[in-house]
């Protein structure tokens, strides 16, 4: 009888363990499928814009900013970034379709806070960006670094190319160093 009870207990235990594992793995799969969509940048955009700098996720700037940037490619932050009309049109459409928009939920919606009527061309000039980086601006206080300076995103945000800027993902020990 003891062996019979032992077999029954073992069978129940194995069944229970199997159910727990099944539900656990199922939960992980469901969580992964419901998770946030992973940013997949457009290949032509990365090829053209990423050749000189980080191909910033379009959702980091509002439509007006991207329009201003694309209209001034011949004097793109003191460089000539002109391209043929077909490529410029394609990239403009991509940026505008995926831009940061009021009323459209986004993980970067906070960048729209207190945005002026005429949106700035630099992400670093958005009031929401400045607010999110207050401590970094305090470190830079009194240092003349020129107009619009800010360390490249990937100096601190090691996954910036994947549009991952969460503070929890900042790599300790990275970022600009000042003398």
N, C-alpha and C. Protein backbone atom coordinates (compact mmCIF):
# COMPACT_ATOMS: atom_id res chain seq x y z
N UNK A 1 0.81 -1.19 0.00
CA UNK A 1 0.00 0.00 0.00
C UNK A 1 0.86 1.26 0.00
N UNK A 2 1.98 1.17 0.70
CA UNK A 2 2.88 2.33 0.74
C UNK A 2 3.44 2.64 -0.65
N UNK A 3 3.75 1.61 -1.42
CA UNK A 3 4.27 1.84 -2.75
C UNK A 3 3.19 2.42 -3.66
N UNK A 4 1.94 1.97 -3.48
CA UNK A 4 0.83 2.49 -4.26
C UNK A 4 0.63 3.97 -3.94
N UNK A 5 0.67 4.35 -2.69
CA UNK A 5 0.51 5.74 -2.27
C UNK A 5 1.66 6.58 -2.81
N UNK A 6 2.83 6.05 -2.77
CA UNK A 6 4.01 6.75 -3.27
C UNK A 6 3.89 7.02 -4.76
N UNK A 7 3.40 6.03 -5.53
CA UNK A 7 3.22 6.22 -6.97
C UNK A 7 2.16 7.28 -7.25
N UNK A 8 1.09 7.26 -6.47
CA UNK A 8 0.02 8.24 -6.64
C UNK A 8 0.53 9.64 -6.31
N UNK A 9 1.27 9.75 -5.23
CA UNK A 9 1.81 11.06 -4.85
C UNK A 9 2.80 11.56 -5.91
N UNK A 10 3.61 10.67 -6.40
CA UNK A 10 4.59 11.06 -7.42
C UNK A 10 3.87 11.50 -8.69
N UNK A 11 2.84 10.80 -9.09
CA UNK A 11 2.07 11.16 -10.29
C UNK A 11 1.40 12.52 -10.12
N UNK A 12 0.79 12.73 -8.96
CA UNK A 12 0.16 14.03 -8.69
C UNK A 12 1.20 15.15 -8.67
N UNK A 13 2.32 14.89 -8.03
CA UNK A 13 3.40 15.88 -7.98
C UNK A 13 3.91 16.24 -9.36
N UNK A 14 4.13 15.21 -10.18
CA UNK A 14 4.60 15.46 -11.55
C UNK A 14 3.56 16.22 -12.36
N UNK A 15 2.29 15.85 -12.19
CA UNK A 15 1.21 16.55 -12.89
C UNK A 15 1.13 18.01 -12.48
N UNK A 16 1.25 18.25 -11.18
CA UNK A 16 1.20 19.62 -10.66
C UNK A 16 2.41 20.43 -11.15
N UNK A 17 3.58 19.84 -11.11
CA UNK A 17 4.79 20.50 -11.60
C UNK A 17 4.67 20.81 -13.09
N UNK A 18 4.15 19.87 -13.86
CA UNK A 18 3.95 20.09 -15.29
C UNK A 18 2.99 21.24 -15.56
N UNK A 19 1.90 21.31 -14.77
CA UNK A 19 0.91 22.38 -14.95
C UNK A 19 1.54 23.74 -14.63
N UNK A 20 2.31 23.79 -13.55
CA UNK A 20 2.97 25.05 -13.16
C UNK A 20 3.93 25.49 -14.26
N UNK A 21 4.72 24.56 -14.76
CA UNK A 21 5.65 24.89 -15.84
C UNK A 21 4.92 25.33 -17.09
N UNK A 22 3.86 24.63 -17.43
CA UNK A 22 3.08 24.98 -18.62
C UNK A 22 2.51 26.39 -18.50
N UNK A 23 1.89 26.70 -17.36
CA UNK A 23 1.32 28.03 -17.17
C UNK A 23 2.42 29.10 -17.10
N UNK A 24 3.53 28.76 -16.50
CA UNK A 24 4.64 29.71 -16.41
C UNK A 24 5.20 30.06 -17.77
N UNK A 25 5.47 29.05 -18.57
CA UNK A 25 6.00 29.28 -19.92
C UNK A 25 4.95 29.99 -20.77
N UNK A 26 3.69 29.58 -20.64
CA UNK A 26 2.62 30.26 -21.38
C UNK A 26 2.53 31.72 -21.02
N UNK A 27 2.66 32.04 -19.73
CA UNK A 27 2.63 33.43 -19.28
C UNK A 27 3.78 34.24 -19.86
N UNK A 28 4.95 33.65 -19.91
CA UNK A 28 6.12 34.35 -20.48
C UNK A 28 5.89 34.63 -21.95
N UNK A 29 5.37 33.66 -22.68
CA UNK A 29 5.11 33.83 -24.11
C UNK A 29 4.06 34.92 -24.33
N UNK A 30 2.98 34.88 -23.58
CA UNK A 30 1.92 35.88 -23.72
C UNK A 30 2.46 37.26 -23.37
N UNK A 31 3.24 37.37 -22.30
CA UNK A 31 3.82 38.66 -21.91
C UNK A 31 4.72 39.20 -23.02
N UNK A 32 5.52 38.33 -23.60
CA UNK A 32 6.42 38.76 -24.68
C UNK A 32 5.63 39.23 -25.89
N UNK A 33 4.54 38.54 -26.21
CA UNK A 33 3.75 38.92 -27.37
C UNK A 33 2.99 40.22 -27.15
N UNK A 34 2.60 40.49 -25.91
CA UNK A 34 1.86 41.71 -25.62
C UNK A 34 2.77 42.89 -25.34
N UNK A 35 4.06 42.64 -25.23
CA UNK A 35 5.02 43.69 -24.90
C UNK A 35 5.06 44.77 -25.96
N UNK A 36 5.79 45.83 -25.64
CA UNK A 36 5.92 46.95 -26.55
C UNK A 36 6.60 46.51 -27.84
N UNK A 37 6.16 47.10 -28.91
CA UNK A 37 6.75 46.79 -30.20
C UNK A 37 8.20 47.26 -30.21
N UNK A 38 9.07 46.42 -30.71
CA UNK A 38 10.49 46.76 -30.79
C UNK A 38 10.69 47.69 -31.97
N UNK A 39 11.44 48.76 -31.74
CA UNK A 39 11.70 49.74 -32.79
C UNK A 39 12.54 49.11 -33.90
N UNK A 40 12.04 49.19 -35.10
CA UNK A 40 12.74 48.70 -36.28
C UNK A 40 12.91 49.87 -37.24
N UNK A 41 14.06 50.52 -37.25
CA UNK A 41 14.23 51.68 -38.12
C UNK A 41 14.23 51.29 -39.60
N UNK A 42 13.85 52.22 -40.42
CA UNK A 42 13.85 52.03 -41.85
C UNK A 42 15.30 51.91 -42.35
N UNK A 43 15.57 50.96 -43.20
CA UNK A 43 16.93 50.70 -43.67
C UNK A 43 17.52 51.89 -44.44
N UNK A 44 16.74 52.50 -45.31
CA UNK A 44 17.25 53.64 -46.08
C UNK A 44 17.53 54.82 -45.15
N UNK A 45 16.67 55.04 -44.19
CA UNK A 45 16.87 56.10 -43.21
C UNK A 45 18.18 55.88 -42.44
N UNK A 46 18.41 54.66 -41.99
CA UNK A 46 19.64 54.36 -41.26
C UNK A 46 20.85 54.52 -42.17
N UNK A 47 20.73 54.06 -43.39
CA UNK A 47 21.84 54.16 -44.34
C UNK A 47 22.22 55.62 -44.60
N UNK A 48 21.20 56.46 -44.85
CA UNK A 48 21.46 57.86 -45.18
C UNK A 48 21.83 58.71 -43.96
N UNK A 49 21.00 58.66 -42.94
CA UNK A 49 21.19 59.53 -41.78
C UNK A 49 22.17 58.93 -40.77
N UNK A 50 22.14 57.61 -40.65
CA UNK A 50 23.02 56.93 -39.71
C UNK A 50 24.46 56.88 -40.17
N UNK A 51 24.74 57.31 -41.39
CA UNK A 51 26.12 57.34 -41.88
C UNK A 51 26.94 58.40 -41.14
N UNK A 52 26.27 59.44 -40.64
CA UNK A 52 26.97 60.53 -39.96
C UNK A 52 26.70 60.60 -38.47
N UNK A 53 25.55 60.14 -38.04
CA UNK A 53 25.18 60.22 -36.62
C UNK A 53 24.15 59.14 -36.32
N UNK A 54 23.79 59.03 -35.08
CA UNK A 54 22.74 58.08 -34.69
C UNK A 54 21.48 58.39 -35.49
N UNK A 55 20.91 57.39 -36.11
CA UNK A 55 19.64 57.57 -36.83
C UNK A 55 18.54 57.60 -35.78
N UNK A 56 18.27 58.79 -35.26
CA UNK A 56 17.33 58.96 -34.15
C UNK A 56 15.95 58.41 -34.50
N UNK A 57 15.34 57.78 -33.53
CA UNK A 57 13.98 57.27 -33.73
C UNK A 57 13.08 58.45 -34.08
N UNK A 58 12.27 58.34 -35.13
CA UNK A 58 11.40 59.44 -35.55
C UNK A 58 10.47 59.93 -34.44
N UNK A 59 10.11 59.04 -33.52
CA UNK A 59 9.21 59.40 -32.44
C UNK A 59 9.83 60.29 -31.37
N UNK A 60 11.08 60.69 -31.55
CA UNK A 60 11.73 61.59 -30.59
C UNK A 60 11.48 63.06 -30.91
N UNK A 61 10.97 63.36 -32.08
CA UNK A 61 10.68 64.75 -32.47
C UNK A 61 9.30 64.84 -33.10
N UNK A 62 8.65 65.98 -32.92
CA UNK A 62 7.35 66.18 -33.57
C UNK A 62 7.51 66.43 -35.07
N UNK A 63 6.42 66.34 -35.79
CA UNK A 63 6.42 66.50 -37.25
C UNK A 63 7.10 67.80 -37.67
N UNK A 64 6.77 68.92 -37.02
CA UNK A 64 7.34 70.21 -37.39
C UNK A 64 8.86 70.24 -37.33
N UNK A 65 9.42 69.55 -36.36
CA UNK A 65 10.89 69.48 -36.24
C UNK A 65 11.48 68.72 -37.42
N UNK A 66 10.88 67.56 -37.74
CA UNK A 66 11.41 66.77 -38.85
C UNK A 66 11.26 67.52 -40.18
N UNK A 67 10.14 68.24 -40.34
CA UNK A 67 9.96 69.01 -41.57
C UNK A 67 11.05 70.08 -41.68
N UNK A 68 11.33 70.77 -40.59
CA UNK A 68 12.39 71.78 -40.59
C UNK A 68 13.75 71.20 -40.90
N UNK A 69 14.03 70.05 -40.33
CA UNK A 69 15.32 69.39 -40.58
C UNK A 69 15.45 69.00 -42.04
N UNK A 70 14.41 68.38 -42.57
CA UNK A 70 14.48 67.90 -43.95
C UNK A 70 14.48 69.04 -44.97
N UNK A 71 13.91 70.18 -44.62
CA UNK A 71 13.91 71.32 -45.54
C UNK A 71 15.26 72.04 -45.53
N UNK A 72 16.09 71.76 -44.54
CA UNK A 72 17.37 72.46 -44.46
C UNK A 72 18.58 71.54 -44.57
N UNK A 73 18.49 70.52 -45.39
CA UNK A 73 19.59 69.55 -45.49
C UNK A 73 20.88 70.14 -46.05
N UNK A 74 20.76 71.21 -46.85
CA UNK A 74 21.98 71.81 -47.39
C UNK A 74 22.81 72.50 -46.30
N UNK A 75 22.17 72.82 -45.19
CA UNK A 75 22.86 73.43 -44.03
C UNK A 75 22.38 72.69 -42.79
N UNK A 76 22.69 71.40 -42.74
CA UNK A 76 22.23 70.51 -41.67
C UNK A 76 23.21 70.57 -40.50
N UNK A 77 22.93 71.46 -39.57
CA UNK A 77 23.79 71.64 -38.40
C UNK A 77 25.25 71.81 -38.82
N UNK A 78 25.45 72.74 -39.73
CA UNK A 78 26.76 73.15 -40.25
C UNK A 78 27.40 72.13 -41.18
N UNK A 79 26.63 71.18 -41.66
CA UNK A 79 27.11 70.21 -42.65
C UNK A 79 26.11 70.16 -43.80
N UNK A 80 26.58 69.71 -44.95
CA UNK A 80 25.69 69.51 -46.09
C UNK A 80 25.26 68.05 -46.07
N UNK A 81 23.98 67.82 -45.88
CA UNK A 81 23.44 66.46 -45.82
C UNK A 81 22.46 66.22 -46.98
N UNK A 82 22.59 67.00 -48.04
CA UNK A 82 21.66 66.87 -49.16
C UNK A 82 21.75 65.47 -49.77
N UNK A 83 20.64 65.05 -50.31
CA UNK A 83 20.54 63.78 -51.00
C UNK A 83 19.61 63.99 -52.19
N UNK A 84 19.45 63.00 -53.02
CA UNK A 84 18.57 63.18 -54.17
C UNK A 84 17.12 63.36 -53.70
N UNK A 85 16.30 63.95 -54.56
CA UNK A 85 14.92 64.28 -54.21
C UNK A 85 14.10 63.06 -53.82
N UNK A 86 14.28 61.96 -54.52
CA UNK A 86 13.51 60.75 -54.23
C UNK A 86 13.83 60.21 -52.83
N UNK A 87 15.11 60.18 -52.49
CA UNK A 87 15.52 59.70 -51.17
C UNK A 87 15.04 60.65 -50.08
N UNK A 88 15.20 61.95 -50.32
CA UNK A 88 14.77 62.96 -49.33
C UNK A 88 13.26 62.86 -49.11
N UNK A 89 12.51 62.67 -50.16
CA UNK A 89 11.06 62.55 -50.05
C UNK A 89 10.68 61.29 -49.27
N UNK A 90 11.33 60.19 -49.56
CA UNK A 90 11.06 58.94 -48.86
C UNK A 90 11.35 59.08 -47.37
N UNK A 91 12.51 59.63 -47.03
CA UNK A 91 12.89 59.79 -45.63
C UNK A 91 11.96 60.77 -44.93
N UNK A 92 11.60 61.86 -45.59
CA UNK A 92 10.66 62.82 -45.02
C UNK A 92 9.34 62.15 -44.66
N UNK A 93 8.82 61.37 -45.59
CA UNK A 93 7.56 60.65 -45.34
C UNK A 93 7.69 59.70 -44.16
N UNK A 94 8.79 58.97 -44.11
CA UNK A 94 9.04 58.03 -43.01
C UNK A 94 9.07 58.77 -41.67
N UNK A 95 9.80 59.87 -41.63
CA UNK A 95 9.92 60.64 -40.38
C UNK A 95 8.58 61.23 -39.95
N UNK A 96 7.85 61.80 -40.89
CA UNK A 96 6.57 62.42 -40.57
C UNK A 96 5.53 61.39 -40.13
N UNK A 97 5.50 60.24 -40.77
CA UNK A 97 4.54 59.19 -40.40
C UNK A 97 4.81 58.63 -39.01
N UNK A 98 6.05 58.66 -38.57
CA UNK A 98 6.43 58.06 -37.30
C UNK A 98 6.84 59.08 -36.24
N UNK A 99 6.54 60.34 -36.50
CA UNK A 99 6.92 61.43 -35.59
C UNK A 99 6.11 61.40 -34.29
N UNK A 100 6.61 62.11 -33.33
CA UNK A 100 5.94 62.30 -32.04
C UNK A 100 4.73 63.20 -32.26
N UNK A 101 3.57 62.75 -31.79
CA UNK A 101 2.33 63.51 -32.02
C UNK A 101 1.54 63.69 -30.74
N UNK A 102 0.99 64.88 -30.53
CA UNK A 102 0.12 65.08 -29.38
C UNK A 102 -1.11 64.18 -29.49
N UNK A 103 -1.54 63.64 -28.38
CA UNK A 103 -2.73 62.81 -28.35
C UNK A 103 -2.51 61.38 -28.81
N UNK A 104 -1.29 61.07 -29.23
CA UNK A 104 -0.97 59.72 -29.67
C UNK A 104 -0.02 59.11 -28.63
N UNK A 105 -0.48 58.13 -27.87
CA UNK A 105 0.36 57.57 -26.81
C UNK A 105 1.71 57.09 -27.34
N UNK A 106 2.75 57.44 -26.60
CA UNK A 106 4.10 57.08 -26.98
C UNK A 106 4.95 57.04 -25.72
N UNK A 107 6.00 56.22 -25.76
CA UNK A 107 6.89 56.20 -24.60
C UNK A 107 7.68 57.50 -24.49
N UNK A 108 7.62 58.34 -25.52
CA UNK A 108 8.33 59.63 -25.49
C UNK A 108 7.37 60.82 -25.40
N UNK A 109 6.13 60.59 -25.06
CA UNK A 109 5.14 61.66 -24.99
C UNK A 109 5.59 62.80 -24.08
N UNK A 110 6.38 62.48 -23.06
CA UNK A 110 6.85 63.52 -22.14
C UNK A 110 7.70 64.57 -22.85
N UNK A 111 8.23 64.26 -24.02
CA UNK A 111 9.02 65.25 -24.77
C UNK A 111 8.14 66.37 -25.32
N UNK A 112 6.83 66.15 -25.35
CA UNK A 112 5.91 67.18 -25.85
C UNK A 112 5.54 68.21 -24.79
N UNK A 113 5.95 67.97 -23.55
CA UNK A 113 5.60 68.91 -22.48
C UNK A 113 6.17 70.30 -22.77
N UNK A 114 5.30 71.29 -22.67
CA UNK A 114 5.69 72.69 -22.82
C UNK A 114 6.40 72.99 -24.14
N UNK A 115 6.07 72.25 -25.16
CA UNK A 115 6.74 72.45 -26.45
C UNK A 115 6.27 73.78 -27.06
N UNK A 116 7.19 74.58 -27.57
CA UNK A 116 6.78 75.86 -28.17
C UNK A 116 6.01 75.64 -29.48
N UNK A 117 5.33 76.67 -29.93
CA UNK A 117 4.55 76.58 -31.16
C UNK A 117 5.43 76.14 -32.32
N UNK A 118 6.61 76.75 -32.43
CA UNK A 118 7.56 76.35 -33.46
C UNK A 118 8.54 75.37 -32.81
N UNK A 119 8.37 74.10 -33.11
CA UNK A 119 9.18 73.06 -32.48
C UNK A 119 10.65 73.22 -32.84
N UNK A 120 11.53 73.04 -31.86
CA UNK A 120 12.97 73.14 -32.14
C UNK A 120 13.44 72.00 -33.03
N UNK A 121 14.57 72.21 -33.69
CA UNK A 121 15.11 71.20 -34.58
C UNK A 121 15.97 70.17 -33.84
N UNK A 122 16.40 70.52 -32.65
CA UNK A 122 17.26 69.61 -31.89
C UNK A 122 16.46 68.96 -30.76
N UNK A 123 16.64 67.67 -30.59
CA UNK A 123 15.99 66.95 -29.50
C UNK A 123 16.39 67.57 -28.17
N UNK A 124 17.65 67.99 -28.08
CA UNK A 124 18.18 68.54 -26.82
C UNK A 124 17.56 69.89 -26.46
N UNK A 125 16.79 70.49 -27.38
CA UNK A 125 16.15 71.77 -27.09
C UNK A 125 14.68 71.62 -26.73
N UNK A 126 14.17 70.40 -26.73
CA UNK A 126 12.79 70.17 -26.32
C UNK A 126 12.70 70.33 -24.80
N UNK A 127 11.74 71.10 -24.31
CA UNK A 127 11.61 71.28 -22.86
C UNK A 127 11.51 69.95 -22.10
N UNK A 128 10.83 68.97 -22.66
CA UNK A 128 10.72 67.66 -22.01
C UNK A 128 12.07 66.96 -21.90
N UNK A 129 12.93 67.13 -22.91
CA UNK A 129 14.27 66.54 -22.88
C UNK A 129 15.09 67.22 -21.78
N UNK A 130 15.02 68.53 -21.75
CA UNK A 130 15.77 69.29 -20.74
C UNK A 130 15.34 68.88 -19.35
N UNK A 131 14.04 68.74 -19.14
CA UNK A 131 13.53 68.33 -17.83
C UNK A 131 14.04 66.93 -17.46
N UNK A 132 14.04 66.02 -18.42
CA UNK A 132 14.48 64.64 -18.16
C UNK A 132 15.97 64.56 -17.89
N UNK A 133 16.73 65.58 -18.33
CA UNK A 133 18.18 65.57 -18.18
C UNK A 133 18.68 66.69 -17.27
N UNK A 134 17.83 67.14 -16.35
CA UNK A 134 18.20 68.26 -15.47
C UNK A 134 19.53 68.04 -14.76
N UNK A 135 19.74 66.85 -14.23
CA UNK A 135 20.98 66.61 -13.48
C UNK A 135 22.20 66.70 -14.39
N UNK A 136 22.07 66.29 -15.64
CA UNK A 136 23.18 66.39 -16.58
C UNK A 136 23.46 67.84 -16.93
N UNK A 137 22.39 68.64 -17.07
CA UNK A 137 22.58 70.06 -17.36
C UNK A 137 23.26 70.76 -16.19
N UNK A 138 22.96 70.33 -14.98
CA UNK A 138 23.62 70.92 -13.81
C UNK A 138 25.11 70.62 -13.84
N UNK A 139 25.50 69.44 -14.29
CA UNK A 139 26.92 69.09 -14.41
C UNK A 139 27.62 69.98 -15.43
N UNK A 140 26.88 70.38 -16.47
CA UNK A 140 27.46 71.17 -17.55
C UNK A 140 27.44 72.67 -17.26
N UNK A 141 26.78 73.06 -16.17
CA UNK A 141 26.64 74.47 -15.84
C UNK A 141 28.02 75.14 -15.74
N UNK A 142 28.15 76.27 -16.41
CA UNK A 142 29.39 77.04 -16.38
C UNK A 142 30.41 76.59 -17.42
N UNK A 143 30.12 75.54 -18.17
CA UNK A 143 31.04 75.07 -19.19
C UNK A 143 30.49 75.52 -20.54
N UNK A 144 31.28 76.26 -21.30
CA UNK A 144 30.83 76.73 -22.61
C UNK A 144 31.13 75.65 -23.64
N UNK A 145 30.11 74.94 -24.05
CA UNK A 145 30.28 73.83 -24.98
C UNK A 145 29.71 74.15 -26.35
N UNK A 146 29.22 75.35 -26.54
CA UNK A 146 28.67 75.72 -27.83
C UNK A 146 27.17 75.48 -27.88
N UNK A 147 26.55 76.02 -28.90
CA UNK A 147 25.11 75.95 -29.07
C UNK A 147 24.66 74.52 -29.30
N UNK A 148 23.64 74.10 -28.59
CA UNK A 148 23.02 72.81 -28.83
C UNK A 148 23.84 71.61 -28.41
N UNK A 149 24.94 71.82 -27.69
CA UNK A 149 25.77 70.68 -27.31
C UNK A 149 25.05 69.77 -26.33
N UNK A 150 25.20 68.52 -26.53
CA UNK A 150 24.86 67.52 -25.53
C UNK A 150 25.57 66.27 -25.99
N UNK A 151 26.06 65.51 -25.06
CA UNK A 151 26.78 64.29 -25.39
C UNK A 151 25.91 63.42 -26.29
N UNK A 152 26.51 62.72 -27.26
CA UNK A 152 25.71 61.81 -28.08
C UNK A 152 24.95 60.82 -27.21
N UNK A 153 23.72 60.56 -27.57
CA UNK A 153 22.84 59.70 -26.75
C UNK A 153 23.50 58.39 -26.36
N UNK A 154 24.20 57.77 -27.31
CA UNK A 154 24.75 56.45 -27.05
C UNK A 154 25.90 56.48 -26.05
N UNK A 155 26.38 57.66 -25.65
CA UNK A 155 27.40 57.71 -24.61
C UNK A 155 26.86 57.17 -23.29
N UNK A 156 25.59 57.44 -23.01
CA UNK A 156 24.97 56.95 -21.77
C UNK A 156 23.96 55.85 -22.04
N UNK A 157 23.23 56.01 -23.11
CA UNK A 157 22.17 55.06 -23.47
C UNK A 157 22.76 54.08 -24.48
N UNK A 158 23.32 52.99 -23.99
CA UNK A 158 24.03 52.04 -24.84
C UNK A 158 23.12 51.37 -25.87
N UNK A 159 21.81 51.46 -25.71
CA UNK A 159 20.88 50.86 -26.66
C UNK A 159 20.09 51.94 -27.42
N UNK A 160 20.71 53.10 -27.58
CA UNK A 160 20.04 54.21 -28.27
C UNK A 160 19.68 53.84 -29.71
N UNK A 161 20.50 53.03 -30.36
CA UNK A 161 20.20 52.63 -31.73
C UNK A 161 18.92 51.79 -31.82
N UNK A 162 18.49 51.24 -30.69
CA UNK A 162 17.25 50.48 -30.63
C UNK A 162 16.12 51.33 -30.05
N UNK A 163 16.39 52.63 -29.90
CA UNK A 163 15.43 53.58 -29.34
C UNK A 163 15.05 53.24 -27.90
N UNK A 164 16.00 52.71 -27.15
CA UNK A 164 15.79 52.39 -25.74
C UNK A 164 16.54 53.41 -24.90
N UNK A 165 15.78 54.30 -24.27
CA UNK A 165 16.38 55.39 -23.51
C UNK A 165 15.96 55.37 -22.04
N UNK A 166 15.35 54.28 -21.59
CA UNK A 166 14.89 54.20 -20.20
C UNK A 166 16.06 54.40 -19.25
N UNK A 167 15.81 55.17 -18.19
CA UNK A 167 16.87 55.44 -17.22
C UNK A 167 17.41 54.16 -16.59
N UNK A 168 16.56 53.14 -16.49
CA UNK A 168 16.99 51.86 -15.90
C UNK A 168 18.02 51.17 -16.78
N UNK A 169 18.12 51.56 -18.04
CA UNK A 169 19.04 50.91 -18.96
C UNK A 169 20.35 51.68 -19.14
N UNK A 170 20.50 52.79 -18.44
CA UNK A 170 21.74 53.57 -18.56
C UNK A 170 22.87 52.74 -17.96
N UNK A 171 23.95 52.68 -18.70
CA UNK A 171 25.09 51.89 -18.26
C UNK A 171 25.99 52.72 -17.34
N UNK A 172 26.20 52.26 -16.11
CA UNK A 172 27.06 52.99 -15.18
C UNK A 172 28.48 53.09 -15.75
N UNK A 173 29.09 54.24 -15.54
CA UNK A 173 30.46 54.43 -15.99
C UNK A 173 30.57 54.98 -17.40
N UNK A 174 29.44 55.11 -18.09
CA UNK A 174 29.46 55.65 -19.43
C UNK A 174 29.05 57.11 -19.38
N UNK A 175 29.22 57.79 -20.48
CA UNK A 175 28.82 59.18 -20.55
C UNK A 175 30.05 60.05 -20.69
N UNK A 176 29.83 61.33 -20.93
CA UNK A 176 30.96 62.23 -21.13
C UNK A 176 31.72 62.46 -19.84
N UNK A 177 33.01 62.72 -19.96
CA UNK A 177 33.80 63.07 -18.78
C UNK A 177 34.32 64.49 -18.99
N UNK A 178 34.36 65.25 -17.93
CA UNK A 178 34.79 66.64 -18.01
C UNK A 178 35.97 66.84 -17.08
N UNK A 179 36.91 67.63 -17.52
CA UNK A 179 38.12 67.93 -16.74
C UNK A 179 37.82 68.97 -15.69
